[in-house]
Amino acid sequence: MKNKYNMTVEDNIFFAKRKLADNVYKSAVLEGIPITFADTYSFINNVNTGNISIDNMLKLKGLVDAWEYVLNNVSEELTLDYIKKVHFQICKGQNIEPLGEFRKRGVGITGTSWRPKLPSECNYDAELKEILAIPCELERCISLFCWIQRSQMFQDGNKRVANLIANREMIKYGQGIIAVPVPKIGEYLTLLIKYYETNDMNDIKKWIYENCIDGIDN
């Protein structure tokens, strides 16, 4: 796998800010939040269309706050504590417990009988270290995106956390943005379930590389 872009951090931050509404919209729909792009754009610009429930407003606000947080902390070292901080930003005010901490009970996954291990049964430190050692920056970010989703570290919001953490790293290394196109979410979820069940991320990484990377050439 080769890098697609070689942007400066400043250019990548500017690009992410210009695409904020699009990124929030795609991340929300991937998580199953019923929202339109128009309503997302209006919400980010402080216009209440009356089409968004209070619960979904809180989820959108969490995504916007999390984007602001990661854009202001691009250079900070990526650790498990940092991932927990992003979860806190994404899920605050949404009646999710534990907030900003790993889950302590099991979760079910729609579309499969596969069940992730409890965080207490995993060695996330070693797994994160292994991913961060991948030489290609883009492959590293895509792998991080997939790994966080499959790990299901938190009681809720795992796809949103994966999206924000992977994109923070994308920006840090000038690789653009990862965003699953809304018309292709069904195709993506099919590959994601396969990855969950097999723990083989090769197919989904290739698909993300071909379909989900956006940026600008310097």
N, C-alpha and C. Protein backbone atom coordinates (compact mmCIF):
# COMPACT_ATOMS: atom_id res chain seq x y z
N MET A 1 0.84 -1.19 0.00
CA MET A 1 0.00 0.00 0.00
C MET A 1 0.88 1.25 0.00
N LYS A 2 0.54 2.23 -0.85
CA LYS A 2 1.29 3.47 -0.94
C LYS A 2 0.45 4.64 -0.46
N ASN A 3 1.11 5.66 0.06
CA ASN A 3 0.40 6.88 0.43
C ASN A 3 -0.20 7.52 -0.81
N LYS A 4 -1.35 8.15 -0.66
CA LYS A 4 -2.00 8.83 -1.78
C LYS A 4 -1.70 10.32 -1.81
N TYR A 5 -1.49 10.91 -0.63
CA TYR A 5 -1.27 12.33 -0.52
C TYR A 5 -0.06 12.63 0.36
N ASN A 6 0.46 13.81 0.20
CA ASN A 6 1.58 14.26 1.02
C ASN A 6 1.35 15.73 1.38
N MET A 7 0.29 15.97 2.15
CA MET A 7 -0.10 17.32 2.52
C MET A 7 0.67 17.78 3.75
N THR A 8 0.81 19.08 3.91
CA THR A 8 1.32 19.59 5.17
C THR A 8 0.23 19.45 6.22
N VAL A 9 0.62 19.45 7.48
CA VAL A 9 -0.38 19.37 8.55
C VAL A 9 -1.35 20.55 8.46
N GLU A 10 -0.81 21.72 8.18
CA GLU A 10 -1.66 22.92 8.09
C GLU A 10 -2.67 22.79 6.96
N ASP A 11 -2.22 22.32 5.79
CA ASP A 11 -3.13 22.14 4.66
C ASP A 11 -4.17 21.07 4.96
N ASN A 12 -3.75 20.01 5.65
CA ASN A 12 -4.69 18.93 5.96
C ASN A 12 -5.74 19.39 6.98
N ILE A 13 -5.33 20.20 7.95
CA ILE A 13 -6.28 20.75 8.91
C ILE A 13 -7.28 21.66 8.19
N PHE A 14 -6.80 22.49 7.29
CA PHE A 14 -7.68 23.38 6.52
C PHE A 14 -8.66 22.56 5.69
N PHE A 15 -8.17 21.50 5.06
CA PHE A 15 -9.02 20.63 4.26
C PHE A 15 -10.09 19.97 5.12
N ALA A 16 -9.70 19.49 6.30
CA ALA A 16 -10.65 18.85 7.21
C ALA A 16 -11.73 19.82 7.67
N LYS A 17 -11.34 21.05 7.94
CA LYS A 17 -12.32 22.05 8.37
C LYS A 17 -13.30 22.38 7.24
N ARG A 18 -12.78 22.47 6.01
CA ARG A 18 -13.66 22.75 4.87
C ARG A 18 -14.65 21.61 4.63
N LYS A 19 -14.25 20.39 4.99
CA LYS A 19 -15.08 19.20 4.77
C LYS A 19 -15.81 18.76 6.04
N LEU A 20 -15.86 19.62 7.05
CA LEU A 20 -16.38 19.21 8.35
C LEU A 20 -17.81 18.69 8.26
N ALA A 21 -18.70 19.43 7.60
CA ALA A 21 -20.10 19.00 7.52
C ALA A 21 -20.21 17.65 6.83
N ASP A 22 -19.46 17.46 5.76
CA ASP A 22 -19.48 16.20 5.02
C ASP A 22 -18.96 15.06 5.88
N ASN A 23 -17.87 15.30 6.62
CA ASN A 23 -17.29 14.26 7.45
C ASN A 23 -18.21 13.89 8.62
N VAL A 24 -18.82 14.90 9.25
CA VAL A 24 -19.75 14.63 10.35
C VAL A 24 -20.96 13.85 9.84
N TYR A 25 -21.48 14.26 8.69
CA TYR A 25 -22.63 13.58 8.09
C TYR A 25 -22.32 12.11 7.81
N LYS A 26 -21.21 11.84 7.15
CA LYS A 26 -20.86 10.46 6.80
C LYS A 26 -20.61 9.61 8.04
N SER A 27 -19.94 10.18 9.03
CA SER A 27 -19.67 9.45 10.26
C SER A 27 -20.97 9.14 11.01
N ALA A 28 -21.89 10.10 11.01
CA ALA A 28 -23.18 9.91 11.69
C ALA A 28 -23.99 8.80 11.02
N VAL A 29 -24.07 8.83 9.69
CA VAL A 29 -24.85 7.83 8.97
C VAL A 29 -24.22 6.44 9.14
N LEU A 30 -22.89 6.37 9.13
CA LEU A 30 -22.21 5.09 9.34
C LEU A 30 -22.57 4.50 10.70
N GLU A 31 -22.77 5.36 11.69
CA GLU A 31 -23.12 4.90 13.03
C GLU A 31 -24.61 4.58 13.16
N GLY A 32 -25.37 4.85 12.10
CA GLY A 32 -26.79 4.54 12.12
C GLY A 32 -27.68 5.69 12.55
N ILE A 33 -27.14 6.90 12.58
CA ILE A 33 -27.92 8.08 12.96
C ILE A 33 -28.69 8.56 11.73
N PRO A 34 -30.04 8.61 11.79
CA PRO A 34 -30.82 9.01 10.61
C PRO A 34 -30.77 10.53 10.42
N ILE A 35 -30.00 10.98 9.46
CA ILE A 35 -29.77 12.41 9.26
C ILE A 35 -29.52 12.67 7.79
N THR A 36 -29.87 13.85 7.31
CA THR A 36 -29.54 14.25 5.94
C THR A 36 -28.34 15.19 5.97
N PHE A 37 -27.69 15.33 4.83
CA PHE A 37 -26.57 16.26 4.77
C PHE A 37 -27.05 17.69 5.02
N ALA A 38 -28.21 18.04 4.46
CA ALA A 38 -28.73 19.40 4.63
C ALA A 38 -28.96 19.73 6.10
N ASP A 39 -29.53 18.77 6.84
CA ASP A 39 -29.77 19.00 8.26
C ASP A 39 -28.45 19.06 9.03
N THR A 40 -27.49 18.23 8.64
CA THR A 40 -26.17 18.26 9.28
C THR A 40 -25.50 19.61 9.06
N TYR A 41 -25.52 20.07 7.82
CA TYR A 41 -24.90 21.36 7.47
C TYR A 41 -25.58 22.49 8.25
N SER A 42 -26.89 22.46 8.33
CA SER A 42 -27.63 23.49 9.05
C SER A 42 -27.29 23.46 10.54
N PHE A 43 -27.21 22.27 11.11
CA PHE A 43 -26.89 22.14 12.53
C PHE A 43 -25.52 22.74 12.84
N ILE A 44 -24.53 22.40 12.01
CA ILE A 44 -23.17 22.91 12.23
C ILE A 44 -23.12 24.43 12.13
N ASN A 45 -24.03 24.99 11.33
CA ASN A 45 -24.10 26.44 11.18
C ASN A 45 -25.17 27.07 12.07
N ASN A 46 -25.53 26.34 13.13
CA ASN A 46 -26.43 26.86 14.18
C ASN A 46 -27.83 27.20 13.67
N VAL A 47 -28.30 26.42 12.71
CA VAL A 47 -29.66 26.58 12.21
C VAL A 47 -30.45 25.32 12.57
N ASN A 48 -31.54 25.48 13.28
CA ASN A 48 -32.37 24.35 13.69
C ASN A 48 -33.48 24.14 12.66
N THR A 49 -33.39 23.08 11.91
CA THR A 49 -34.40 22.80 10.88
C THR A 49 -35.65 22.16 11.45
N GLY A 50 -35.58 21.69 12.69
CA GLY A 50 -36.72 21.01 13.30
C GLY A 50 -36.84 19.56 12.90
N ASN A 51 -35.86 19.07 12.14
CA ASN A 51 -35.92 17.69 11.64
C ASN A 51 -35.08 16.72 12.45
N ILE A 52 -34.35 17.22 13.45
CA ILE A 52 -33.42 16.38 14.19
C ILE A 52 -33.91 16.22 15.62
N SER A 53 -33.97 14.98 16.10
CA SER A 53 -34.38 14.73 17.48
C SER A 53 -33.33 15.26 18.45
N ILE A 54 -33.73 15.46 19.70
CA ILE A 54 -32.80 15.93 20.73
C ILE A 54 -31.64 14.96 20.87
N ASP A 55 -31.94 13.66 20.89
CA ASP A 55 -30.88 12.65 21.04
C ASP A 55 -29.87 12.75 19.89
N ASN A 56 -30.36 12.92 18.67
CA ASN A 56 -29.46 13.00 17.54
C ASN A 56 -28.71 14.33 17.50
N MET A 57 -29.32 15.40 18.02
CA MET A 57 -28.60 16.66 18.15
C MET A 57 -27.39 16.50 19.07
N LEU A 58 -27.59 15.76 20.16
CA LEU A 58 -26.49 15.53 21.09
C LEU A 58 -25.37 14.72 20.43
N LYS A 59 -25.75 13.76 19.60
CA LYS A 59 -24.75 12.96 18.90
C LYS A 59 -23.98 13.80 17.89
N LEU A 60 -24.70 14.66 17.17
CA LEU A 60 -24.02 15.55 16.23
C LEU A 60 -23.11 16.53 16.96
N LYS A 61 -23.58 17.06 18.07
CA LYS A 61 -22.74 17.98 18.84
C LYS A 61 -21.48 17.27 19.32
N GLY A 62 -21.62 16.02 19.74
CA GLY A 62 -20.46 15.25 20.17
C GLY A 62 -19.45 15.08 19.05
N LEU A 63 -19.94 14.82 17.84
CA LEU A 63 -19.03 14.68 16.70
C LEU A 63 -18.32 16.00 16.39
N VAL A 64 -19.06 17.09 16.41
CA VAL A 64 -18.46 18.40 16.13
C VAL A 64 -17.43 18.75 17.20
N ASP A 65 -17.77 18.53 18.47
CA ASP A 65 -16.83 18.81 19.56
C ASP A 65 -15.59 17.93 19.46
N ALA A 66 -15.78 16.67 19.08
CA ALA A 66 -14.64 15.75 18.96
C ALA A 66 -13.72 16.18 17.81
N TRP A 67 -14.31 16.62 16.69
CA TRP A 67 -13.48 17.13 15.60
C TRP A 67 -12.67 18.34 16.06
N GLU A 68 -13.31 19.24 16.79
CA GLU A 68 -12.59 20.41 17.30
C GLU A 68 -11.45 19.97 18.22
N TYR A 69 -11.73 18.98 19.06
CA TYR A 69 -10.72 18.49 19.99
C TYR A 69 -9.52 17.91 19.26
N VAL A 70 -9.76 17.03 18.28
CA VAL A 70 -8.62 16.39 17.61
C VAL A 70 -7.86 17.39 16.75
N LEU A 71 -8.56 18.34 16.14
CA LEU A 71 -7.86 19.34 15.32
C LEU A 71 -6.99 20.25 16.18
N ASN A 72 -7.36 20.41 17.43
CA ASN A 72 -6.54 21.22 18.34
C ASN A 72 -5.46 20.42 19.05
N ASN A 73 -5.44 19.10 18.82
CA ASN A 73 -4.46 18.23 19.50
C ASN A 73 -3.82 17.25 18.53
N VAL A 74 -3.53 17.73 17.33
CA VAL A 74 -3.00 16.84 16.29
C VAL A 74 -1.65 16.26 16.66
N SER A 75 -0.84 17.03 17.35
CA SER A 75 0.54 16.59 17.63
C SER A 75 0.65 15.73 18.88
N GLU A 76 -0.41 15.61 19.65
CA GLU A 76 -0.34 14.81 20.89
C GLU A 76 -0.12 13.34 20.58
N GLU A 77 0.63 12.66 21.43
CA GLU A 77 0.92 11.24 21.24
C GLU A 77 -0.38 10.43 21.29
N LEU A 78 -0.49 9.46 20.39
CA LEU A 78 -1.67 8.60 20.38
C LEU A 78 -1.48 7.48 21.39
N THR A 79 -2.32 7.51 22.42
CA THR A 79 -2.29 6.50 23.47
C THR A 79 -3.72 6.04 23.73
N LEU A 80 -3.86 5.02 24.56
CA LEU A 80 -5.21 4.58 24.93
C LEU A 80 -5.94 5.67 25.70
N ASP A 81 -5.22 6.43 26.51
CA ASP A 81 -5.86 7.53 27.24
C ASP A 81 -6.39 8.58 26.28
N TYR A 82 -5.66 8.84 25.20
CA TYR A 82 -6.13 9.81 24.21
C TYR A 82 -7.41 9.29 23.55
N ILE A 83 -7.44 8.01 23.22
CA ILE A 83 -8.64 7.41 22.62
C ILE A 83 -9.83 7.56 23.57
N LYS A 84 -9.59 7.37 24.87
CA LYS A 84 -10.66 7.54 25.86
C LYS A 84 -11.16 8.98 25.89
N LYS A 85 -10.25 9.94 25.75
CA LYS A 85 -10.63 11.36 25.75
C LYS A 85 -11.53 11.68 24.55
N VAL A 86 -11.23 11.07 23.41
CA VAL A 86 -12.05 11.28 22.23
C VAL A 86 -13.44 10.68 22.43
N HIS A 87 -13.50 9.51 23.05
CA HIS A 87 -14.80 8.91 23.36
C HIS A 87 -15.61 9.84 24.26
N PHE A 88 -14.96 10.44 25.24
CA PHE A 88 -15.65 11.37 26.13
C PHE A 88 -16.26 12.52 25.34
N GLN A 89 -15.49 13.10 24.42
CA GLN A 89 -15.98 14.22 23.62
C GLN A 89 -17.16 13.79 22.75
N ILE A 90 -17.07 12.62 22.16
CA ILE A 90 -18.10 12.15 21.23
C ILE A 90 -19.41 11.83 21.96
N CYS A 91 -19.34 11.26 23.14
CA CYS A 91 -20.52 10.69 23.78
C CYS A 91 -21.01 11.45 25.01
N LYS A 92 -20.39 12.56 25.36
CA LYS A 92 -20.82 13.30 26.55
C LYS A 92 -22.26 13.78 26.38
N GLY A 93 -23.01 13.71 27.49
CA GLY A 93 -24.39 14.16 27.49
C GLY A 93 -25.38 13.21 26.86
N GLN A 94 -24.94 11.99 26.52
CA GLN A 94 -25.79 11.06 25.79
C GLN A 94 -26.19 9.84 26.62
N ASN A 95 -26.04 9.92 27.92
CA ASN A 95 -26.46 8.84 28.81
C ASN A 95 -25.75 7.53 28.50
N ILE A 96 -24.46 7.64 28.17
CA ILE A 96 -23.64 6.46 27.88
C ILE A 96 -22.68 6.24 29.03
N GLU A 97 -22.72 5.04 29.60
CA GLU A 97 -21.84 4.69 30.72
C GLU A 97 -21.13 3.38 30.43
N PRO A 98 -19.82 3.28 30.78
CA PRO A 98 -19.00 4.37 31.32
C PRO A 98 -18.57 5.34 30.21
N LEU A 99 -18.52 6.61 30.52
CA LEU A 99 -18.15 7.64 29.56
C LEU A 99 -16.65 7.89 29.61
N GLY A 100 -16.00 7.76 28.46
CA GLY A 100 -14.56 7.97 28.42
C GLY A 100 -13.76 6.86 29.06
N GLU A 101 -14.40 5.71 29.23
CA GLU A 101 -13.73 4.54 29.80
C GLU A 101 -14.15 3.30 29.03
N PHE A 102 -13.33 2.26 29.09
CA PHE A 102 -13.65 1.01 28.40
C PHE A 102 -14.86 0.35 29.03
N ARG A 103 -15.63 -0.34 28.20
CA ARG A 103 -16.83 -1.01 28.68
C ARG A 103 -16.47 -2.17 29.62
N LYS A 104 -17.44 -2.50 30.47
CA LYS A 104 -17.22 -3.57 31.44
C LYS A 104 -18.20 -4.72 31.23
N ARG A 105 -19.03 -4.63 30.19
CA ARG A 105 -19.98 -5.71 29.90
C ARG A 105 -20.01 -5.98 28.40
N GLY A 106 -20.59 -7.11 28.04
CA GLY A 106 -20.59 -7.54 26.66
C GLY A 106 -21.48 -6.69 25.76
N VAL A 107 -21.21 -6.75 24.47
CA VAL A 107 -22.04 -6.05 23.48
C VAL A 107 -22.35 -7.02 22.34
N GLY A 108 -23.51 -6.80 21.72
CA GLY A 108 -23.87 -7.56 20.54
C GLY A 108 -23.60 -6.74 19.29
N ILE A 109 -23.39 -7.42 18.18
CA ILE A 109 -23.10 -6.75 16.91
C ILE A 109 -24.19 -7.11 15.92
N THR A 110 -24.85 -6.11 15.36
CA THR A 110 -25.90 -6.35 14.37
C THR A 110 -25.33 -7.05 13.14
N GLY A 111 -25.98 -8.14 12.71
CA GLY A 111 -25.59 -8.83 11.48
C GLY A 111 -24.66 -10.00 11.66
N THR A 112 -24.28 -10.29 12.93
CA THR A 112 -23.38 -11.42 13.16
C THR A 112 -23.57 -11.95 14.58
N SER A 113 -23.27 -13.23 14.74
CA SER A 113 -23.30 -13.82 16.08
C SER A 113 -21.96 -13.66 16.79
N TRP A 114 -20.96 -13.15 16.07
CA TRP A 114 -19.65 -12.91 16.68
C TRP A 114 -19.74 -11.89 17.80
N ARG A 115 -19.01 -12.14 18.88
CA ARG A 115 -19.00 -11.22 20.01
C ARG A 115 -17.56 -10.83 20.36
N PRO A 116 -17.30 -9.55 20.51
CA PRO A 116 -15.94 -9.12 20.88
C PRO A 116 -15.63 -9.45 22.33
N LYS A 117 -14.36 -9.63 22.60
CA LYS A 117 -13.93 -9.88 23.98
C LYS A 117 -14.14 -8.63 24.82
N LEU A 118 -14.21 -8.81 26.12
CA LEU A 118 -14.21 -7.68 27.02
C LEU A 118 -12.83 -7.01 26.98
N PRO A 119 -12.78 -5.69 27.14
CA PRO A 119 -11.48 -5.01 27.16
C PRO A 119 -10.52 -5.59 28.19
N SER A 120 -11.05 -6.05 29.31
CA SER A 120 -10.20 -6.62 30.36
C SER A 120 -9.51 -7.91 29.91
N GLU A 121 -10.02 -8.51 28.83
CA GLU A 121 -9.43 -9.75 28.29
C GLU A 121 -8.44 -9.46 27.16
N CYS A 122 -8.28 -8.18 26.82
CA CYS A 122 -7.45 -7.81 25.66
C CYS A 122 -6.19 -7.08 26.11
N ASN A 123 -5.22 -7.05 25.20
CA ASN A 123 -3.99 -6.28 25.44
C ASN A 123 -3.93 -5.15 24.41
N TYR A 124 -4.75 -4.12 24.63
CA TYR A 124 -4.83 -3.03 23.67
C TYR A 124 -3.50 -2.31 23.49
N ASP A 125 -2.72 -2.22 24.55
CA ASP A 125 -1.43 -1.53 24.44
C ASP A 125 -0.55 -2.20 23.39
N ALA A 126 -0.45 -3.52 23.45
CA ALA A 126 0.38 -4.26 22.50
C ALA A 126 -0.19 -4.16 21.09
N GLU A 127 -1.51 -4.25 20.97
CA GLU A 127 -2.15 -4.18 19.65
C GLU A 127 -1.96 -2.79 19.03
N LEU A 128 -2.11 -1.74 19.82
CA LEU A 128 -1.90 -0.39 19.32
C LEU A 128 -0.44 -0.18 18.91
N LYS A 129 0.47 -0.67 19.72
CA LYS A 129 1.89 -0.54 19.41
C LYS A 129 2.22 -1.22 18.08
N GLU A 130 1.62 -2.38 17.83
CA GLU A 130 1.86 -3.11 16.59
C GLU A 130 1.35 -2.31 15.38
N ILE A 131 0.18 -1.70 15.51
CA ILE A 131 -0.36 -0.90 14.41
C ILE A 131 0.49 0.34 14.16
N LEU A 132 0.92 1.01 15.22
CA LEU A 132 1.71 2.22 15.07
C LEU A 132 3.09 1.96 14.50
N ALA A 133 3.49 0.69 14.45
CA ALA A 133 4.79 0.34 13.86
C ALA A 133 4.70 0.10 12.35
N ILE A 134 3.49 0.13 11.77
CA ILE A 134 3.34 -0.05 10.32
C ILE A 134 4.04 1.10 9.60
N PRO A 135 4.97 0.84 8.68
CA PRO A 135 5.78 1.90 8.07
C PRO A 135 4.99 2.89 7.22
N CYS A 136 4.03 2.40 6.42
CA CYS A 136 3.25 3.27 5.52
C CYS A 136 2.21 4.03 6.34
N GLU A 137 2.25 5.36 6.28
CA GLU A 137 1.35 6.16 7.10
C GLU A 137 -0.12 5.89 6.80
N LEU A 138 -0.46 5.81 5.51
CA LEU A 138 -1.85 5.60 5.15
C LEU A 138 -2.34 4.22 5.59
N GLU A 139 -1.54 3.20 5.38
CA GLU A 139 -1.93 1.85 5.82
C GLU A 139 -2.08 1.82 7.34
N ARG A 140 -1.22 2.53 8.04
CA ARG A 140 -1.29 2.60 9.50
C ARG A 140 -2.64 3.20 9.93
N CYS A 141 -3.05 4.27 9.28
CA CYS A 141 -4.30 4.94 9.64
C CYS A 141 -5.52 4.08 9.33
N ILE A 142 -5.50 3.43 8.17
CA ILE A 142 -6.61 2.54 7.80
C ILE A 142 -6.69 1.37 8.77
N SER A 143 -5.56 0.81 9.13
CA SER A 143 -5.53 -0.30 10.08
C SER A 143 -6.08 0.13 11.44
N LEU A 144 -5.72 1.33 11.85
CA LEU A 144 -6.22 1.88 13.12
C LEU A 144 -7.74 2.03 13.08
N PHE A 145 -8.26 2.53 11.97
CA PHE A 145 -9.69 2.69 11.77
C PHE A 145 -10.42 1.35 11.92
N CYS A 146 -9.87 0.32 11.29
CA CYS A 146 -10.49 -1.01 11.36
C CYS A 146 -10.37 -1.61 12.76
N TRP A 147 -9.20 -1.51 13.33
CA TRP A 147 -8.93 -2.15 14.63
C TRP A 147 -9.83 -1.61 15.74
N ILE A 148 -10.01 -0.30 15.81
CA ILE A 148 -10.84 0.28 16.85
C ILE A 148 -12.29 -0.17 16.70
N GLN A 149 -12.76 -0.27 15.45
CA GLN A 149 -14.12 -0.74 15.25
C GLN A 149 -14.30 -2.17 15.74
N ARG A 150 -13.35 -3.04 15.40
CA ARG A 150 -13.49 -4.44 15.79
C ARG A 150 -13.28 -4.63 17.29
N SER A 151 -12.43 -3.83 17.89
CA SER A 151 -12.15 -3.98 19.32
C SER A 151 -13.38 -3.69 20.17
N GLN A 152 -14.27 -2.78 19.69
CA GLN A 152 -15.47 -2.45 20.46
C GLN A 152 -15.10 -2.11 21.90
N MET A 153 -14.17 -1.17 22.04
CA MET A 153 -13.66 -0.80 23.36
C MET A 153 -14.74 -0.21 24.27
N PHE A 154 -15.70 0.47 23.65
CA PHE A 154 -16.66 1.24 24.42
C PHE A 154 -18.08 0.68 24.30
N GLN A 155 -18.93 1.06 25.24
CA GLN A 155 -20.30 0.55 25.23
C GLN A 155 -21.07 1.04 24.00
N ASP A 156 -20.72 2.23 23.51
CA ASP A 156 -21.38 2.79 22.33
C ASP A 156 -20.42 3.79 21.69
N GLY A 157 -20.65 4.06 20.40
CA GLY A 157 -19.87 5.09 19.70
C GLY A 157 -18.55 4.63 19.12
N ASN A 158 -18.36 3.32 18.97
CA ASN A 158 -17.06 2.81 18.53
C ASN A 158 -16.70 3.23 17.10
N LYS A 159 -17.67 3.24 16.18
CA LYS A 159 -17.37 3.67 14.81
C LYS A 159 -16.99 5.15 14.78
N ARG A 160 -17.69 5.96 15.58
CA ARG A 160 -17.37 7.39 15.63
C ARG A 160 -15.97 7.61 16.19
N VAL A 161 -15.63 6.87 17.24
CA VAL A 161 -14.29 6.98 17.82
C VAL A 161 -13.24 6.56 16.80
N ALA A 162 -13.48 5.44 16.12
CA ALA A 162 -12.54 4.96 15.11
C ALA A 162 -12.31 6.00 14.02
N ASN A 163 -13.40 6.63 13.58
CA ASN A 163 -13.32 7.64 12.54
C ASN A 163 -12.49 8.83 12.99
N LEU A 164 -12.74 9.32 14.20
CA LEU A 164 -12.02 10.51 14.69
C LEU A 164 -10.55 10.21 14.95
N ILE A 165 -10.26 9.06 15.56
CA ILE A 165 -8.86 8.72 15.85
C ILE A 165 -8.08 8.50 14.56
N ALA A 166 -8.65 7.75 13.62
CA ALA A 166 -7.96 7.50 12.35
C ALA A 166 -7.73 8.80 11.60
N ASN A 167 -8.73 9.68 11.61
CA ASN A 167 -8.58 10.94 10.89
C ASN A 167 -7.60 11.88 11.58
N ARG A 168 -7.52 11.84 12.89
CA ARG A 168 -6.49 12.62 13.58
C ARG A 168 -5.10 12.21 13.09
N GLU A 169 -4.90 10.90 12.97
CA GLU A 169 -3.61 10.40 12.48
C GLU A 169 -3.42 10.72 11.00
N MET A 170 -4.49 10.64 10.21
CA MET A 170 -4.40 11.01 8.79
C MET A 170 -3.91 12.45 8.65
N ILE A 171 -4.49 13.34 9.45
CA ILE A 171 -4.12 14.76 9.40
C ILE A 171 -2.68 14.95 9.88
N LYS A 172 -2.33 14.27 10.94
CA LYS A 172 -0.99 14.39 11.52
C LYS A 172 0.10 14.06 10.50
N TYR A 173 -0.20 13.10 9.61
CA TYR A 173 0.79 12.67 8.62
C TYR A 173 0.45 13.12 7.20
N GLY A 174 -0.47 14.07 7.06
CA GLY A 174 -0.76 14.66 5.76
C GLY A 174 -1.37 13.72 4.75
N GLN A 175 -2.21 12.78 5.22
CA GLN A 175 -2.76 11.76 4.34
C GLN A 175 -4.19 12.01 3.89
N GLY A 176 -4.75 13.18 4.22
CA GLY A 176 -6.12 13.49 3.82
C GLY A 176 -7.12 13.07 4.88
N ILE A 177 -8.26 12.54 4.44
CA ILE A 177 -9.35 12.17 5.33
C ILE A 177 -9.91 10.80 4.92
N ILE A 178 -10.30 10.00 5.92
CA ILE A 178 -11.03 8.75 5.69
C ILE A 178 -12.51 9.02 5.93
N ALA A 179 -13.35 8.70 4.94
CA ALA A 179 -14.80 8.83 5.11
C ALA A 179 -15.48 7.82 4.19
N VAL A 180 -16.34 6.99 4.75
CA VAL A 180 -17.06 5.99 3.95
C VAL A 180 -18.20 6.69 3.21
N PRO A 181 -18.22 6.64 1.86
CA PRO A 181 -19.31 7.28 1.10
C PRO A 181 -20.67 6.69 1.50
N VAL A 182 -21.65 7.54 1.72
CA VAL A 182 -22.96 7.08 2.18
C VAL A 182 -23.58 6.04 1.23
N PRO A 183 -23.52 6.22 -0.11
CA PRO A 183 -24.13 5.20 -0.98
C PRO A 183 -23.45 3.83 -0.89
N LYS A 184 -22.24 3.79 -0.32
CA LYS A 184 -21.49 2.53 -0.26
C LYS A 184 -21.44 1.96 1.15
N ILE A 185 -22.22 2.51 2.08
CA ILE A 185 -22.17 2.03 3.46
C ILE A 185 -22.58 0.56 3.56
N GLY A 186 -23.59 0.14 2.80
CA GLY A 186 -24.00 -1.27 2.83
C GLY A 186 -22.87 -2.20 2.43
N GLU A 187 -22.17 -1.83 1.37
CA GLU A 187 -21.03 -2.61 0.90
C GLU A 187 -19.93 -2.64 1.96
N TYR A 188 -19.71 -1.49 2.57
CA TYR A 188 -18.69 -1.41 3.61
C TYR A 188 -19.04 -2.30 4.81
N LEU A 189 -20.28 -2.23 5.26
CA LEU A 189 -20.68 -3.00 6.44
C LEU A 189 -20.57 -4.50 6.20
N THR A 190 -20.83 -4.94 4.96
CA THR A 190 -20.65 -6.36 4.63
C THR A 190 -19.20 -6.78 4.84
N LEU A 191 -18.27 -5.94 4.38
CA LEU A 191 -16.85 -6.24 4.57
C LEU A 191 -16.46 -6.13 6.04
N LEU A 192 -17.08 -5.20 6.75
CA LEU A 192 -16.77 -5.03 8.17
C LEU A 192 -17.18 -6.26 8.96
N ILE A 193 -18.36 -6.80 8.68
CA ILE A 193 -18.81 -8.02 9.37
C ILE A 193 -17.85 -9.18 9.08
N LYS A 194 -17.43 -9.28 7.82
CA LYS A 194 -16.47 -10.33 7.46
C LYS A 194 -15.18 -10.18 8.26
N TYR A 195 -14.72 -8.94 8.40
CA TYR A 195 -13.51 -8.68 9.18
C TYR A 195 -13.73 -9.01 10.65
N TYR A 196 -14.88 -8.64 11.19
CA TYR A 196 -15.19 -8.98 12.58
C TYR A 196 -15.06 -10.49 12.80
N GLU A 197 -15.64 -11.26 11.89
CA GLU A 197 -15.72 -12.71 12.09
C GLU A 197 -14.40 -13.42 11.83
N THR A 198 -13.56 -12.88 10.96
CA THR A 198 -12.31 -13.56 10.58
C THR A 198 -11.06 -12.95 11.20
N ASN A 199 -11.15 -11.69 11.62
CA ASN A 199 -10.00 -10.92 12.10
C ASN A 199 -8.93 -10.77 11.00
N ASP A 200 -9.36 -10.84 9.77
CA ASP A 200 -8.48 -10.61 8.62
C ASP A 200 -8.92 -9.30 7.98
N MET A 201 -8.10 -8.26 8.10
CA MET A 201 -8.52 -6.94 7.62
C MET A 201 -8.03 -6.61 6.20
N ASN A 202 -7.42 -7.57 5.51
CA ASN A 202 -6.85 -7.28 4.20
C ASN A 202 -7.90 -6.77 3.20
N ASP A 203 -9.04 -7.45 3.10
CA ASP A 203 -10.05 -7.06 2.11
C ASP A 203 -10.64 -5.69 2.43
N ILE A 204 -10.96 -5.45 3.69
CA ILE A 204 -11.58 -4.17 4.04
C ILE A 204 -10.58 -3.02 3.93
N LYS A 205 -9.32 -3.28 4.23
CA LYS A 205 -8.29 -2.24 4.06
C LYS A 205 -8.15 -1.85 2.59
N LYS A 206 -8.15 -2.83 1.72
CA LYS A 206 -8.04 -2.56 0.29
C LYS A 206 -9.25 -1.75 -0.19
N TRP A 207 -10.45 -2.11 0.28
CA TRP A 207 -11.67 -1.42 -0.11
C TRP A 207 -11.64 0.03 0.36
N ILE A 208 -11.25 0.24 1.61
CA ILE A 208 -11.15 1.60 2.15
C ILE A 208 -10.15 2.41 1.35
N TYR A 209 -9.02 1.82 1.02
CA TYR A 209 -7.99 2.50 0.23
C TYR A 209 -8.54 2.96 -1.11
N GLU A 210 -9.37 2.14 -1.72
CA GLU A 210 -9.88 2.44 -3.07
C GLU A 210 -11.10 3.36 -3.05
N ASN A 211 -11.83 3.41 -1.93
CA ASN A 211 -13.13 4.10 -1.93
C ASN A 211 -13.29 5.25 -0.93
N CYS A 212 -12.42 5.35 0.05
CA CYS A 212 -12.72 6.22 1.20
C CYS A 212 -11.68 7.29 1.51
N ILE A 213 -10.66 7.45 0.68
CA ILE A 213 -9.60 8.39 0.98
C ILE A 213 -9.75 9.64 0.13
N ASP A 214 -9.78 10.79 0.79
CA ASP A 214 -9.99 12.06 0.10
C ASP A 214 -8.92 13.05 0.56
N GLY A 215 -8.41 13.83 -0.38
CA GLY A 215 -7.40 14.83 -0.03
C GLY A 215 -7.11 15.70 -1.23
N ILE A 216 -6.06 16.52 -1.12
CA ILE A 216 -5.64 17.37 -2.23
C ILE A 216 -4.15 17.21 -2.43
N ASP A 217 -3.74 17.31 -3.69
CA ASP A 217 -2.32 17.24 -4.01
C ASP A 217 -1.67 18.60 -3.81
N ASN A 218 -0.47 18.58 -3.24
CA ASN A 218 0.27 19.85 -3.09
C ASN A 218 0.87 20.27 -4.42
